[in-house]
């Protein structure tokens, strides 16, 4: 992937991560929340965080030893 594509994908993932954070917060306070659904949202949020980290690592140039 080109650096511009990586940056664009990072932004998309950050937006999705923020949206999931909002959804998790809203669901957490509701009575009778579906715990399985909540866990899946949290798992997806962690997967997105990991993907963002991997993409950010691709943007860092290799430093010769």
PDB file of N, CA and C in Angstrom:
ATOM      1  N   UNK A   1       0.835  -1.188   0.000  1.00  0.00           N
ATOM      2  CA  UNK A   1       0.000   0.000   0.000  1.00  0.00           C
ATOM      3  C   UNK A   1       0.881   1.253   0.000  1.00  0.00           C
ATOM      4  N   UNK A   2       0.409   2.250  -0.659  1.00  0.00           N
ATOM      5  CA  UNK A   2       1.098   3.536  -0.685  1.00  0.00           C
ATOM      6  C   UNK A   2       0.843   4.287   0.626  1.00  0.00           C
ATOM      7  N   UNK A   3       1.770   5.163   1.024  1.00  0.00           N
ATOM      8  CA  UNK A   3       1.590   5.906   2.281  1.00  0.00           C
ATOM      9  C   UNK A   3       0.259   6.669   2.371  1.00  0.00           C
ATOM     10  N   UNK A   4      -0.188   7.251   1.267  1.00  0.00           N
ATOM     11  CA  UNK A   4      -1.463   7.978   1.289  1.00  0.00           C
ATOM     12  C   UNK A   4      -2.641   7.035   1.536  1.00  0.00           C
ATOM     13  N   UNK A   5      -2.571   5.843   0.950  1.00  0.00           N
ATOM     14  CA  UNK A   5      -3.616   4.845   1.160  1.00  0.00           C
ATOM     15  C   UNK A   5      -3.627   4.375   2.611  1.00  0.00           C
ATOM     16  N   UNK A   6      -2.440   4.190   3.168  1.00  0.00           N
ATOM     17  CA  UNK A   6      -2.325   3.754   4.563  1.00  0.00           C
ATOM     18  C   UNK A   6      -2.920   4.815   5.486  1.00  0.00           C
ATOM     19  N   UNK A   7      -2.567   6.072   5.251  1.00  0.00           N
ATOM     20  CA  UNK A   7      -3.088   7.165   6.083  1.00  0.00           C
ATOM     21  C   UNK A   7      -4.607   7.250   5.995  1.00  0.00           C
ATOM     22  N   UNK A   8      -5.146   7.076   4.798  1.00  0.00           N
ATOM     23  CA  UNK A   8      -6.596   7.125   4.602  1.00  0.00           C
ATOM     24  C   UNK A   8      -7.266   5.967   5.353  1.00  0.00           C
ATOM     25  N   UNK A   9      -6.668   4.790   5.277  1.00  0.00           N
ATOM     26  CA  UNK A   9      -7.225   3.623   5.966  1.00  0.00           C
ATOM     27  C   UNK A   9      -7.160   3.810   7.479  1.00  0.00           C
ATOM     28  N   UNK A  10      -6.079   4.407   7.968  1.00  0.00           N
ATOM     29  CA  UNK A  10      -5.955   4.677   9.407  1.00  0.00           C
ATOM     30  C   UNK A  10      -7.088   5.599   9.863  1.00  0.00           C
ATOM     31  N   UNK A  11      -7.359   6.629   9.091  1.00  0.00           N
ATOM     32  CA  UNK A  11      -8.433   7.562   9.439  1.00  0.00           C
ATOM     33  C   UNK A  11      -9.785   6.844   9.456  1.00  0.00           C
ATOM     34  N   UNK A  12     -10.025   5.997   8.449  1.00  0.00           N
ATOM     35  CA  UNK A  12     -11.281   5.236   8.410  1.00  0.00           C
ATOM     36  C   UNK A  12     -11.424   4.353   9.655  1.00  0.00           C
ATOM     37  N   UNK A  13     -10.339   3.680  10.017  1.00  0.00           N
ATOM     38  CA  UNK A  13     -10.371   2.802  11.182  1.00  0.00           C
ATOM     39  C   UNK A  13     -10.546   3.595  12.474  1.00  0.00           C
ATOM     40  N   UNK A  14      -9.929   4.757  12.557  1.00  0.00           N
ATOM     41  CA  UNK A  14     -10.085   5.590  13.751  1.00  0.00           C
ATOM     42  C   UNK A  14     -11.533   6.039  13.912  1.00  0.00           C
ATOM     43  N   UNK A  15     -12.188   6.356  12.815  1.00  0.00           N
ATOM     44  CA  UNK A  15     -13.595   6.746  12.871  1.00  0.00           C
ATOM     45  C   UNK A  15     -14.447   5.575  13.331  1.00  0.00           C
ATOM     46  N   UNK A  16     -14.191   4.393  12.759  1.00  0.00           N
ATOM     47  CA  UNK A  16     -14.943   3.206  13.167  1.00  0.00           C
ATOM     48  C   UNK A  16     -14.693   2.889  14.641  1.00  0.00           C
ATOM     49  N   UNK A  17     -13.460   3.051  15.096  1.00  0.00           N
ATOM     50  CA  UNK A  17     -13.105   2.800  16.492  1.00  0.00           C
ATOM     51  C   UNK A  17     -13.868   3.748  17.418  1.00  0.00           C
ATOM     52  N   UNK A  18     -13.924   5.007  17.046  1.00  0.00           N
ATOM     53  CA  UNK A  18     -14.642   6.006  17.839  1.00  0.00           C
ATOM     54  C   UNK A  18     -16.141   5.706  17.865  1.00  0.00           C
ATOM     55  N   UNK A  19     -16.690   5.310  16.714  1.00  0.00           N
ATOM     56  CA  UNK A  19     -18.106   4.958  16.646  1.00  0.00           C
ATOM     57  C   UNK A  19     -18.423   3.751  17.529  1.00  0.00           C
ATOM     58  N   UNK A  20     -17.546   2.757  17.503  1.00  0.00           N
ATOM     59  CA  UNK A  20     -17.749   1.593  18.357  1.00  0.00           C
ATOM     60  C   UNK A  20     -17.668   1.975  19.825  1.00  0.00           C
ATOM     61  N   UNK A  21     -16.757   2.860  20.152  1.00  0.00           N
ATOM     62  CA  UNK A  21     -16.624   3.320  21.531  1.00  0.00           C
ATOM     63  C   UNK A  21     -17.919   3.972  22.004  1.00  0.00           C
ATOM     64  N   UNK A  22     -18.505   4.796  21.152  1.00  0.00           N
ATOM     65  CA  UNK A  22     -19.781   5.444  21.483  1.00  0.00           C
ATOM     66  C   UNK A  22     -20.894   4.414  21.641  1.00  0.00           C
ATOM     67  N   UNK A  23     -20.954   3.457  20.718  1.00  0.00           N
ATOM     68  CA  UNK A  23     -21.994   2.429  20.774  1.00  0.00           C
ATOM     69  C   UNK A  23     -21.855   1.580  22.033  1.00  0.00           C
ATOM     70  N   UNK A  24     -20.628   1.222  22.383  1.00  0.00           N
ATOM     71  CA  UNK A  24     -20.383   0.428  23.587  1.00  0.00           C
ATOM     72  C   UNK A  24     -20.806   1.203  24.827  1.00  0.00           C
ATOM     73  N   UNK A  25     -20.492   2.478  24.859  1.00  0.00           N
ATOM     74  CA  UNK A  25     -20.864   3.308  26.010  1.00  0.00           C
ATOM     75  C   UNK A  25     -22.381   3.396  26.155  1.00  0.00           C
ATOM     76  N   UNK A  26     -23.069   3.578  25.035  1.00  0.00           N
ATOM     77  CA  UNK A  26     -24.530   3.657  25.078  1.00  0.00           C
ATOM     78  C   UNK A  26     -25.155   2.337  25.510  1.00  0.00           C
ATOM     79  N   UNK A  27     -24.655   1.232  24.959  1.00  0.00           N
ATOM     80  CA  UNK A  27     -25.218  -0.078  25.290  1.00  0.00           C
ATOM     81  C   UNK A  27     -24.942  -0.471  26.734  1.00  0.00           C
ATOM     82  N   UNK A  28     -23.797  -0.064  27.248  1.00  0.00           N
ATOM     83  CA  UNK A  28     -23.396  -0.460  28.601  1.00  0.00           C
ATOM     84  C   UNK A  28     -24.349   0.052  29.669  1.00  0.00           C
ATOM     85  N   UNK A  29     -24.981   1.181  29.441  1.00  0.00           N
ATOM     86  CA  UNK A  29     -25.866   1.760  30.455  1.00  0.00           C
ATOM     87  C   UNK A  29     -27.312   1.313  30.310  1.00  0.00           C
ATOM     88  N   UNK A  30     -27.621   0.617  29.223  1.00  0.00           N
ATOM     89  CA  UNK A  30     -28.991   0.166  29.017  1.00  0.00           C
ATOM     90  C   UNK A  30     -29.267  -1.092  29.838  1.00  0.00           C
ATOM     91  N   UNK A  31     -30.435  -1.146  30.453  1.00  0.00           N
ATOM     92  CA  UNK A  31     -30.791  -2.359  31.198  1.00  0.00           C
ATOM     93  C   UNK A  31     -31.102  -3.503  30.225  1.00  0.00           C
ATOM     94  N   UNK A  32     -30.723  -4.705  30.606  1.00  0.00           N
ATOM     95  CA  UNK A  32     -31.009  -5.877  29.784  1.00  0.00           C
ATOM     96  C   UNK A  32     -30.217  -5.932  28.496  1.00  0.00           C
ATOM     97  N   UNK A  33     -29.009  -5.399  28.532  1.00  0.00           N
ATOM     98  CA  UNK A  33     -28.174  -5.373  27.332  1.00  0.00           C
ATOM     99  C   UNK A  33     -27.731  -6.797  26.979  1.00  0.00           C
ATOM    100  N   UNK A  34     -27.612  -7.073  25.699  1.00  0.00           N
ATOM    101  CA  UNK A  34     -27.140  -8.358  25.206  1.00  0.00           C
ATOM    102  C   UNK A  34     -25.619  -8.415  25.417  1.00  0.00           C
ATOM    103  N   UNK A  35     -25.197  -9.165  26.421  1.00  0.00           N
ATOM    104  CA  UNK A  35     -23.777  -9.213  26.780  1.00  0.00           C
ATOM    105  C   UNK A  35     -22.916  -9.780  25.646  1.00  0.00           C
ATOM    106  N   UNK A  36     -23.441 -10.742  24.908  1.00  0.00           N
ATOM    107  CA  UNK A  36     -22.689 -11.322  23.800  1.00  0.00           C
ATOM    108  C   UNK A  36     -22.433 -10.261  22.727  1.00  0.00           C
ATOM    109  N   UNK A  37     -23.443  -9.484  22.409  1.00  0.00           N
ATOM    110  CA  UNK A  37     -23.290  -8.413  21.423  1.00  0.00           C
ATOM    111  C   UNK A  37     -22.275  -7.375  21.904  1.00  0.00           C
ATOM    112  N   UNK A  38     -22.334  -7.047  23.178  1.00  0.00           N
ATOM    113  CA  UNK A  38     -21.408  -6.077  23.759  1.00  0.00           C
ATOM    114  C   UNK A  38     -19.967  -6.595  23.683  1.00  0.00           C
ATOM    115  N   UNK A  39     -19.781  -7.871  24.002  1.00  0.00           N
ATOM    116  CA  UNK A  39     -18.434  -8.461  23.922  1.00  0.00           C
ATOM    117  C   UNK A  39     -17.912  -8.469  22.497  1.00  0.00           C
ATOM    118  N   UNK A  40     -18.797  -8.733  21.536  1.00  0.00           N
ATOM    119  CA  UNK A  40     -18.371  -8.730  20.133  1.00  0.00           C
ATOM    120  C   UNK A  40     -17.959  -7.337  19.687  1.00  0.00           C
ATOM    121  N   UNK A  41     -18.686  -6.338  20.137  1.00  0.00           N
ATOM    122  CA  UNK A  41     -18.316  -4.957  19.799  1.00  0.00           C
ATOM    123  C   UNK A  41     -16.960  -4.597  20.398  1.00  0.00           C
ATOM    124  N   UNK A  42     -16.732  -5.008  21.635  1.00  0.00           N
ATOM    125  CA  UNK A  42     -15.453  -4.726  22.290  1.00  0.00           C
ATOM    126  C   UNK A  42     -14.312  -5.453  21.588  1.00  0.00           C
ATOM    127  N   UNK A  43     -14.566  -6.682  21.171  1.00  0.00           N
ATOM    128  CA  UNK A  43     -13.540  -7.441  20.457  1.00  0.00           C
ATOM    129  C   UNK A  43     -13.205  -6.771  19.129  1.00  0.00           C
ATOM    130  N   UNK A  44     -14.229  -6.325  18.417  1.00  0.00           N
ATOM    131  CA  UNK A  44     -14.008  -5.636  17.143  1.00  0.00           C
ATOM    132  C   UNK A  44     -13.219  -4.349  17.360  1.00  0.00           C
ATOM    133  N   UNK A  45     -13.529  -3.654  18.436  1.00  0.00           N
ATOM    134  CA  UNK A  45     -12.815  -2.417  18.757  1.00  0.00           C
ATOM    135  C   UNK A  45     -11.325  -2.700  18.977  1.00  0.00           C
ATOM    136  N   UNK A  46     -11.017  -3.783  19.675  1.00  0.00           N
ATOM    137  CA  UNK A  46      -9.616  -4.157  19.896  1.00  0.00           C
ATOM    138  C   UNK A  46      -8.936  -4.559  18.592  1.00  0.00           C
ATOM    139  N   UNK A  47      -9.656  -5.257  17.720  1.00  0.00           N
ATOM    140  CA  UNK A  47      -9.090  -5.637  16.431  1.00  0.00           C
ATOM    141  C   UNK A  47      -8.754  -4.399  15.609  1.00  0.00           C
ATOM    142  N   UNK A  48      -9.623  -3.426  15.661  1.00  0.00           N
ATOM    143  CA  UNK A  48      -9.383  -2.175  14.930  1.00  0.00           C
ATOM    144  C   UNK A  48      -8.168  -1.457  15.496  1.00  0.00           C
ATOM    145  N   UNK A  49      -8.051  -1.440  16.824  1.00  0.00           N
ATOM    146  CA  UNK A  49      -6.904  -0.788  17.452  1.00  0.00           C
ATOM    147  C   UNK A  49      -5.601  -1.454  17.009  1.00  0.00           C
ATOM    148  N   UNK A  50      -5.602  -2.781  16.955  1.00  0.00           N
ATOM    149  CA  UNK A  50      -4.415  -3.511  16.500  1.00  0.00           C
ATOM    150  C   UNK A  50      -4.103  -3.203  15.037  1.00  0.00           C
ATOM    151  N   UNK A  51      -5.140  -3.148  14.206  1.00  0.00           N
ATOM    152  CA  UNK A  51      -4.947  -2.845  12.785  1.00  0.00           C
ATOM    153  C   UNK A  51      -4.374  -1.443  12.598  1.00  0.00           C
ATOM    154  N   UNK A  52      -4.850  -0.500  13.386  1.00  0.00           N
ATOM    155  CA  UNK A  52      -4.319   0.861  13.319  1.00  0.00           C
ATOM    156  C   UNK A  52      -2.834   0.860  13.675  1.00  0.00           C
ATOM    157  N   UNK A  53      -2.476   0.133  14.711  1.00  0.00           N
ATOM    158  CA  UNK A  53      -1.070   0.046  15.118  1.00  0.00           C
ATOM    159  C   UNK A  53      -0.191  -0.543  14.025  1.00  0.00           C
ATOM    160  N   UNK A  54      -0.669  -1.590  13.379  1.00  0.00           N
ATOM    161  CA  UNK A  54       0.107  -2.206  12.294  1.00  0.00           C
ATOM    162  C   UNK A  54       0.275  -1.253  11.120  1.00  0.00           C
ATOM    163  N   UNK A  55      -0.776  -0.551  10.782  1.00  0.00           N
ATOM    164  CA  UNK A  55      -0.688   0.398   9.676  1.00  0.00           C
ATOM    165  C   UNK A  55       0.243   1.559  10.010  1.00  0.00           C
ATOM    166  N   UNK A  56       0.181   2.042  11.250  1.00  0.00           N
ATOM    167  CA  UNK A  56       1.073   3.128  11.655  1.00  0.00           C
ATOM    168  C   UNK A  56       2.520   2.676  11.617  1.00  0.00           C
ATOM    169  N   UNK A  57       2.770   1.418  11.951  1.00  0.00           N
ATOM    170  CA  UNK A  57       4.139   0.890  11.905  1.00  0.00           C
ATOM    171  C   UNK A  57       4.662   0.853  10.470  1.00  0.00           C
ATOM    172  N   UNK A  58       3.766   0.660   9.510  1.00  0.00           N
ATOM    173  CA  UNK A  58       4.184   0.648   8.105  1.00  0.00           C
ATOM    174  C   UNK A  58       4.608   2.028   7.627  1.00  0.00           C
ATOM    175  N   UNK A  59       4.136   3.059   8.286  1.00  0.00           N
ATOM    176  CA  UNK A  59       4.485   4.419   7.884  1.00  0.00           C
ATOM    177  C   UNK A  59       5.853   4.854   8.407  1.00  0.00           C
ATOM    178  N   UNK A  60       6.352   4.148   9.421  1.00  0.00           N
ATOM    179  CA  UNK A  60       7.643   4.497  10.012  1.00  0.00           C
ATOM    180  C   UNK A  60       8.735   3.932   9.119  1.00  0.00           C
ATOM    181  N   UNK A  61       9.634   4.776   8.628  1.00  0.00           N
ATOM    182  CA  UNK A  61      10.702   4.284   7.760  1.00  0.00           C
ATOM    183  C   UNK A  61      11.681   3.407   8.538  1.00  0.00           C
ATOM    184  N   UNK A  62      12.223   2.412   7.836  1.00  0.00           N
ATOM    185  CA  UNK A  62      13.235   1.540   8.452  1.00  0.00           C
ATOM    186  C   UNK A  62      14.509   2.338   8.673  1.00  0.00           C
ATOM    187  N   UNK A  63      15.071   2.185   9.850  1.00  0.00           N
ATOM    188  CA  UNK A  63      16.319   2.888  10.192  1.00  0.00           C
ATOM    189  C   UNK A  63      17.454   1.872  10.088  1.00  0.00           C
ATOM    190  N   UNK A  64      18.428   2.147   9.223  1.00  0.00           N
ATOM    191  CA  UNK A  64      19.538   1.187   9.100  1.00  0.00           C
ATOM    192  C   UNK A  64      20.343   1.110  10.403  1.00  0.00           C
ATOM    193  N   UNK A  65      20.772  -0.091  10.696  1.00  0.00           N
ATOM    194  CA  UNK A  65      21.528  -0.309  11.940  1.00  0.00           C
ATOM    195  C   UNK A  65      22.933   0.211  11.855  1.00  0.00           C
TER     196      UNK A  65
END
